[in-house]
Amino acid sequence: MPCNVLLISIKPEYANKIFDEQTKQVELRRVRTRVKAGDIVVVYAKKFENPSELQYLQQKLSYLRPPQSYRYLNESEYETIMLLGGENPASLVDPQYKVLQ
């Protein structure tokens, strides 16, 4: 995978201010991430076309827990989460890179 994928938990009220209202532009954390241009950030407050409950995600990724701050996802975890949410993981990455194996 050509980039880092970060899973970050944000309270729904703040996620709404970021994505819907666009009145919040920065999410501060105590620990700095290694996110750079081109990386993917998956927000755990997820607004997928087909939302997935945490229990359903845990059936597919039994060890998955929403992070208190953040954690990096491997390619398989990212692909599983995106597919369960009704998203195409490859559509979010530069087409020159192969995401699915």
Protein backbone atom coordinates (compact mmCIF):
# COMPACT_ATOMS: atom_id res chain seq x y z
CA MET A 1 0.00 0.00 0.00
CA PRO A 2 1.56 3.31 -1.04
CA CYS A 3 0.35 5.36 1.92
CA ASN A 4 -0.44 5.18 5.62
CA VAL A 5 -4.04 4.55 6.71
CA LEU A 6 -4.93 6.06 10.05
CA LEU A 7 -8.03 5.12 12.08
CA ILE A 8 -9.02 7.95 14.41
CA SER A 9 -11.95 8.19 16.82
CA ILE A 10 -13.84 11.46 16.88
CA LYS A 11 -17.01 12.08 18.87
CA PRO A 12 -19.99 12.30 16.51
CA GLU A 13 -20.73 15.92 17.43
CA TYR A 14 -17.20 16.97 16.39
CA ALA A 15 -17.20 14.79 13.28
CA ASN A 16 -20.43 16.54 12.27
CA LYS A 17 -18.75 19.94 12.72
CA ILE A 18 -15.85 18.80 10.52
CA PHE A 19 -17.73 17.05 7.72
CA ASP A 20 -21.25 18.51 7.63
CA GLU A 21 -21.18 21.97 9.14
CA GLN A 22 -17.52 22.58 8.21
CA THR A 23 -17.16 24.83 11.27
CA LYS A 24 -14.26 22.79 12.72
CA GLN A 25 -11.04 22.58 10.74
CA VAL A 26 -8.57 20.98 13.16
CA GLU A 27 -8.65 17.91 15.41
CA LEU A 28 -5.97 18.14 18.08
CA ARG A 29 -4.40 15.08 19.69
CA ARG A 30 -1.90 14.70 22.53
CA VAL A 31 0.23 12.37 20.45
CA ARG A 32 1.36 13.51 17.02
CA THR A 33 0.63 11.28 14.03
CA ARG A 34 2.86 10.63 11.02
CA VAL A 35 0.12 11.67 8.56
CA LYS A 36 1.36 13.36 5.43
CA ALA A 37 -0.12 14.40 2.08
CA GLY A 38 -1.61 11.39 0.31
CA ASP A 39 -2.30 9.39 3.47
CA ILE A 40 -5.83 8.18 4.23
CA VAL A 41 -7.63 8.98 7.48
CA VAL A 42 -10.61 6.81 8.42
CA VAL A 43 -12.72 8.54 11.06
CA TYR A 44 -14.49 6.30 13.55
CA ALA A 45 -17.81 8.11 13.65
CA LYS A 46 -18.17 6.56 10.06
CA LYS A 47 -20.85 8.06 7.59
CA PHE A 48 -20.87 5.29 5.00
CA GLU A 49 -23.67 4.79 2.51
CA ASN A 50 -24.34 1.53 4.36
CA PRO A 51 -23.28 2.15 8.00
CA SER A 52 -21.83 -0.83 9.89
CA GLU A 53 -22.29 -1.29 13.61
CA LEU A 54 -19.16 -1.98 15.68
CA GLN A 55 -20.46 -5.46 16.50
CA TYR A 56 -20.61 -6.33 12.78
CA LEU A 57 -17.10 -5.00 12.18
CA GLN A 58 -15.88 -7.11 15.10
CA GLN A 59 -17.34 -10.23 13.48
CA LYS A 60 -14.98 -9.61 10.55
CA LEU A 61 -12.06 -8.16 12.55
CA SER A 62 -12.51 -9.66 16.02
CA TYR A 63 -9.59 -7.78 17.55
CA LEU A 64 -10.69 -4.36 16.28
CA ARG A 65 -11.39 -1.78 18.97
CA PRO A 66 -12.04 1.91 18.32
CA PRO A 67 -8.84 3.64 19.41
CA GLN A 68 -8.93 6.23 22.18
CA SER A 69 -6.62 8.35 20.09
CA TYR A 70 -5.61 6.71 16.80
CA ARG A 71 -4.00 3.66 15.26
CA TYR A 72 -2.65 2.72 11.87
CA LEU A 73 -4.50 0.12 9.81
CA ASN A 74 -2.89 -2.50 7.62
CA GLU A 75 -4.13 -3.05 4.07
CA SER A 76 -6.45 -5.93 4.99
CA GLU A 77 -8.09 -4.03 7.87
CA TYR A 78 -8.61 -0.95 5.69
CA GLU A 79 -10.08 -3.00 2.84
CA THR A 80 -12.46 -4.87 5.18
CA ILE A 81 -13.74 -1.69 6.84
CA MET A 82 -14.29 0.07 3.52
CA LEU A 83 -16.09 -2.90 1.95
CA LEU A 84 -18.36 -3.31 4.99
CA GLY A 85 -19.25 0.37 4.69
CA GLY A 86 -20.20 -0.03 1.04
CA GLU A 87 -17.14 1.85 -0.21
CA ASN A 88 -14.61 0.84 -2.84
CA PRO A 89 -11.18 1.09 -1.18
CA ALA A 90 -9.43 1.41 -4.56
CA SER A 91 -11.43 4.52 -5.46
CA LEU A 92 -9.82 6.44 -2.59
CA VAL A 93 -6.25 5.83 -3.72
CA ASP A 94 -4.26 7.08 -6.70
CA PRO A 95 -5.14 4.69 -9.58
CA GLN A 96 -1.47 4.01 -10.35
CA TYR A 97 -1.21 2.06 -7.08
CA LYS A 98 -2.72 -1.36 -6.55
CA VAL A 99 -4.66 -1.60 -3.27
CA LEU A 100 -6.47 -4.94 -3.60
CA GLN A 101 -4.48 -8.15 -3.99
